[in-house]
Amino acid sequence: MSEREKILSRIREALTLSAAVPGHPQDHLLQVVSEEEAAQHIHEWLPAVGETLEDGLALFAKNSYELKTDFRLVDSEEDLLAQLAEMASGWKKIAIHRGELTDAVCGKLGLPVCITDEGYDASYLESCDVGITQCDCLVAQTGSVLVTARSAGGRALSVLPPHHIVLARRDQLLPDLPSAFALLEERYATNYPSFISLITGPSRTGDIERILVLGAHGPKQLTVLCI
């Protein structure tokens, strides 16, 4: 069966199902549950994560591998600098922002630095080889990195350079998406950032002939260094 025949077959199948009258959903087509009921069962609907930090790290590492994220556990800030120095071969300039972890490496790689907190030219930022940011948390369940304009140095630092490097700590690892959303609400409920994003692997597209292409709409490489 050709792809065209498969699509037409699915359409014919869908047309055999009766639609609900607008404003009067049929019970067998739509089951409405309250927000409280959904909250009680949401963890049953999502993939299991595990009970311990080691379980979460193992799952995040597994998801990272499948997503083509370079995930590395490091033991100290010295090890972090060593990992960055190893990757820096071929870099000409980097972009970074101020923060507890980023300050530990800012200016220590011997390269020109664009610091987004101090104002920058967008074309210069785009010409940097790498953007180094912190994050709000890591999500074990999906292998995602949660960033906001406040945790990651603005809206552009994690998007424009072709290589995005995330610096995180092990205690920033959360088990699942509900935990990540709860963190956002606790941290920003009175004043949400203008930019909130879940980064799940390098930028990619499969629109053309289902061929995976990395770097289509953002960084081609994503590296997570977790202290």
Protein backbone atom coordinates (compact mmCIF):
# COMPACT_ATOMS: atom_id res chain seq x y z
CA MET A 1 0.00 0.00 0.00
CA SER A 2 1.41 3.39 -1.01
CA GLU A 3 1.67 6.32 1.39
CA ARG A 4 -1.17 8.04 -0.47
CA GLU A 5 -3.42 5.00 -0.03
CA LYS A 6 -2.56 4.81 3.67
CA ILE A 7 -3.53 8.46 4.20
CA LEU A 8 -6.80 8.06 2.29
CA SER A 9 -7.57 4.88 4.25
CA ARG A 10 -7.15 6.73 7.56
CA ILE A 11 -9.40 9.53 6.34
CA ARG A 12 -12.12 7.03 5.33
CA GLU A 13 -11.82 5.38 8.74
CA ALA A 14 -12.16 8.73 10.53
CA LEU A 15 -15.25 9.62 8.50
CA THR A 16 -17.09 6.57 9.85
CA LEU A 17 -17.04 8.06 13.37
CA SER A 18 -19.94 10.33 14.28
CA ALA A 19 -19.03 13.78 15.52
CA ALA A 20 -20.42 15.36 18.66
CA VAL A 21 -23.01 18.09 18.30
CA PRO A 22 -21.29 21.43 19.09
CA GLY A 23 -21.88 22.29 22.73
CA HIS A 24 -23.17 18.78 23.53
CA PRO A 25 -20.20 16.37 23.68
CA GLN A 26 -21.09 12.69 23.48
CA ASP A 27 -19.88 10.61 26.38
CA HIS A 28 -18.27 7.98 24.18
CA LEU A 29 -16.29 10.60 22.26
CA LEU A 30 -15.25 13.01 25.00
CA GLN A 31 -14.72 12.32 28.67
CA VAL A 32 -14.27 15.49 30.69
CA VAL A 33 -12.21 15.24 33.87
CA SER A 34 -11.58 17.93 36.42
CA GLU A 35 -8.18 19.49 36.97
CA GLU A 36 -8.01 17.79 40.36
CA GLU A 37 -8.75 14.36 38.87
CA ALA A 38 -6.13 14.89 36.19
CA ALA A 39 -3.53 15.87 38.81
CA GLN A 40 -4.20 12.65 40.72
CA HIS A 41 -3.55 10.44 37.71
CA ILE A 42 -0.98 12.40 35.69
CA HIS A 43 1.99 10.42 37.01
CA GLU A 44 0.25 7.19 35.93
CA TRP A 45 0.06 8.45 32.34
CA LEU A 46 3.70 9.51 32.08
CA PRO A 47 6.80 7.27 31.79
CA ALA A 48 8.24 6.08 35.10
CA VAL A 49 11.39 7.85 36.25
CA GLY A 50 12.65 5.97 39.30
CA GLU A 51 13.03 6.80 42.97
CA THR A 52 16.65 7.89 43.39
CA LEU A 53 18.93 10.58 41.96
CA GLU A 54 20.97 7.84 40.30
CA ASP A 55 17.81 6.57 38.56
CA GLY A 56 17.07 10.07 37.30
CA LEU A 57 20.61 10.65 36.07
CA ALA A 58 20.60 7.29 34.27
CA LEU A 59 17.30 8.13 32.56
CA PHE A 60 18.47 11.62 31.61
CA ALA A 61 21.67 10.11 30.17
CA LYS A 62 19.66 7.53 28.20
CA ASN A 63 17.31 10.15 26.79
CA SER A 64 20.25 12.45 25.99
CA TYR A 65 21.92 9.70 23.99
CA GLU A 66 18.77 9.08 21.98
CA LEU A 67 18.28 12.82 21.41
CA LYS A 68 21.93 13.33 20.38
CA THR A 69 22.63 15.53 23.39
CA ASP A 70 26.19 15.31 24.72
CA PHE A 71 25.57 14.74 28.45
CA ARG A 72 28.57 14.66 30.78
CA LEU A 73 28.79 14.28 34.54
CA VAL A 74 31.66 16.28 36.05
CA ASP A 75 32.96 16.15 39.61
CA SER A 76 34.11 19.72 40.26
CA GLU A 77 34.54 23.18 38.78
CA GLU A 78 38.12 22.22 37.88
CA ASP A 79 36.80 19.22 35.95
CA LEU A 80 34.22 21.49 34.33
CA LEU A 81 36.96 23.85 33.11
CA ALA A 82 38.99 20.91 31.83
CA GLN A 83 36.01 19.60 29.83
CA LEU A 84 35.39 23.05 28.31
CA ALA A 85 39.08 23.52 27.50
CA GLU A 86 39.05 20.18 25.70
CA MET A 87 36.03 21.23 23.62
CA ALA A 88 37.39 24.74 22.96
CA SER A 89 39.84 23.62 20.27
CA GLY A 90 38.78 25.51 17.16
CA TRP A 91 36.60 28.06 18.98
CA LYS A 92 37.39 31.69 18.24
CA LYS A 93 34.97 33.45 20.61
CA ILE A 94 32.30 32.48 23.08
CA ALA A 95 29.13 34.02 24.52
CA ILE A 96 28.11 33.69 28.15
CA HIS A 97 26.12 35.36 30.92
CA ARG A 98 26.69 36.11 34.58
CA GLY A 99 25.78 33.41 37.08
CA GLU A 100 27.17 31.16 39.78
CA LEU A 101 28.40 28.46 37.41
CA THR A 102 29.10 30.65 34.38
CA ASP A 103 31.25 33.03 36.45
CA ALA A 104 33.44 30.04 37.33
CA VAL A 105 34.46 29.67 33.66
CA CYS A 106 34.04 33.22 32.29
CA GLY A 107 37.39 34.58 31.10
CA LYS A 108 39.27 31.36 31.90
CA LEU A 109 39.36 29.84 28.41
CA GLY A 110 41.62 32.50 26.90
CA LEU A 111 39.07 33.49 24.24
CA PRO A 112 37.18 36.71 23.45
CA VAL A 113 33.92 36.73 25.43
CA CYS A 114 30.52 38.26 24.68
CA ILE A 115 28.67 38.76 27.99
CA THR A 116 24.98 39.17 27.26
CA ASP A 117 24.22 40.86 30.59
CA GLU A 118 26.33 43.84 29.50
CA GLY A 119 24.59 44.49 26.19
CA TYR A 120 25.63 43.02 22.87
CA ASP A 121 25.24 43.21 19.12
CA ALA A 122 23.03 40.41 17.80
CA SER A 123 25.25 39.80 14.77
CA TYR A 124 28.29 39.48 17.05
CA LEU A 125 26.45 37.01 19.29
CA GLU A 126 25.46 34.97 16.24
CA SER A 127 29.11 34.83 15.14
CA CYS A 128 30.21 33.27 18.46
CA ASP A 129 31.09 29.58 18.24
CA VAL A 130 29.32 28.63 21.44
CA GLY A 131 26.78 29.98 23.91
CA ILE A 132 27.29 28.91 27.54
CA THR A 133 24.29 29.20 29.88
CA GLN A 134 22.84 27.97 33.12
CA CYS A 135 19.30 26.60 33.37
CA ASP A 136 16.35 26.30 35.73
CA CYS A 137 16.37 22.51 35.79
CA LEU A 138 16.95 19.27 33.91
CA VAL A 139 13.99 16.93 33.29
CA ALA A 140 14.89 13.24 33.54
CA GLN A 141 11.63 12.03 32.02
CA THR A 142 12.21 13.69 28.64
CA GLY A 143 15.92 14.58 28.61
CA SER A 144 14.92 18.25 28.43
CA VAL A 145 16.64 21.39 29.68
CA LEU A 146 14.31 24.05 31.07
CA VAL A 147 15.61 27.58 30.49
CA THR A 148 14.15 31.05 30.93
CA ALA A 149 15.33 34.53 30.05
CA ARG A 150 16.50 34.92 33.64
CA SER A 151 18.32 31.63 34.11
CA ALA A 152 19.95 31.50 30.66
CA GLY A 153 21.17 35.03 29.99
CA GLY A 154 18.29 36.36 27.92
CA ARG A 155 16.28 35.15 24.96
CA ALA A 156 19.02 34.73 22.33
CA LEU A 157 22.08 33.21 24.04
CA SER A 158 20.75 29.65 23.90
CA VAL A 159 19.51 30.06 20.32
CA LEU A 160 21.92 31.99 18.09
CA PRO A 161 25.37 30.31 18.52
CA PRO A 162 25.66 26.94 16.74
CA HIS A 163 26.71 25.13 19.92
CA HIS A 164 24.78 25.50 23.19
CA ILE A 165 26.48 24.37 26.39
CA VAL A 166 24.39 24.11 29.57
CA LEU A 167 25.99 24.17 33.01
CA ALA A 168 23.89 22.52 35.72
CA ARG A 169 24.15 20.91 39.12
CA ARG A 170 22.90 17.46 40.06
CA ASP A 171 20.39 18.93 42.50
CA GLN A 172 18.71 20.69 39.56
CA LEU A 173 17.59 17.35 38.12
CA LEU A 174 13.81 16.89 38.43
CA PRO A 175 11.96 13.65 37.68
CA ASP A 176 9.25 14.81 35.31
CA LEU A 177 7.43 17.63 33.53
CA PRO A 178 4.85 18.25 36.30
CA SER A 179 7.77 18.86 38.69
CA ALA A 180 9.31 21.29 36.20
CA PHE A 181 6.05 23.22 35.83
CA ALA A 182 5.68 23.31 39.62
CA LEU A 183 9.19 24.77 39.87
CA LEU A 184 8.28 27.51 37.40
CA GLU A 185 5.16 28.36 39.36
CA GLU A 186 7.03 28.45 42.67
CA ARG A 187 9.89 30.55 41.30
CA TYR A 188 8.10 32.94 38.96
CA ALA A 189 4.37 32.88 39.74
CA THR A 190 4.26 36.58 40.59
CA ASN A 191 6.41 37.65 37.64
CA TYR A 192 7.00 35.12 34.86
CA PRO A 193 9.96 35.65 32.51
CA SER A 194 9.25 36.74 28.93
CA PHE A 195 11.00 33.63 27.60
CA ILE A 196 10.46 30.05 28.85
CA SER A 197 11.62 27.07 26.81
CA LEU A 198 12.10 23.32 27.09
CA ILE A 199 15.14 22.32 25.03
CA THR A 200 14.99 18.65 24.09
CA GLY A 201 18.11 17.85 22.11
CA PRO A 202 19.76 19.94 19.39
CA SER A 203 17.53 21.87 17.00
CA ARG A 204 16.20 19.52 14.34
CA THR A 205 13.70 19.00 11.56
CA GLY A 206 12.47 16.01 9.59
CA ASP A 207 10.13 17.89 7.26
CA ILE A 208 11.91 16.99 4.02
CA GLU A 209 11.50 13.31 3.11
CA ARG A 210 11.60 12.42 6.85
CA ILE A 211 15.36 12.92 6.88
CA LEU A 212 16.61 14.19 10.25
CA VAL A 213 18.59 17.42 9.92
CA LEU A 214 20.23 18.95 13.00
CA GLY A 215 20.69 22.68 13.44
CA ALA A 216 17.68 23.63 11.35
CA HIS A 217 16.23 26.34 13.62
CA GLY A 218 18.88 26.78 16.28
CA PRO A 219 22.04 25.17 17.73
CA LYS A 220 23.31 22.10 15.93
CA GLN A 221 25.01 20.83 19.11
CA LEU A 222 23.73 20.65 22.67
CA THR A 223 26.08 19.76 25.53
CA VAL A 224 25.01 19.45 29.18
CA LEU A 225 27.72 19.48 31.83
CA CYS A 226 26.29 18.44 35.20
CA ILE A 227 28.39 19.03 38.33
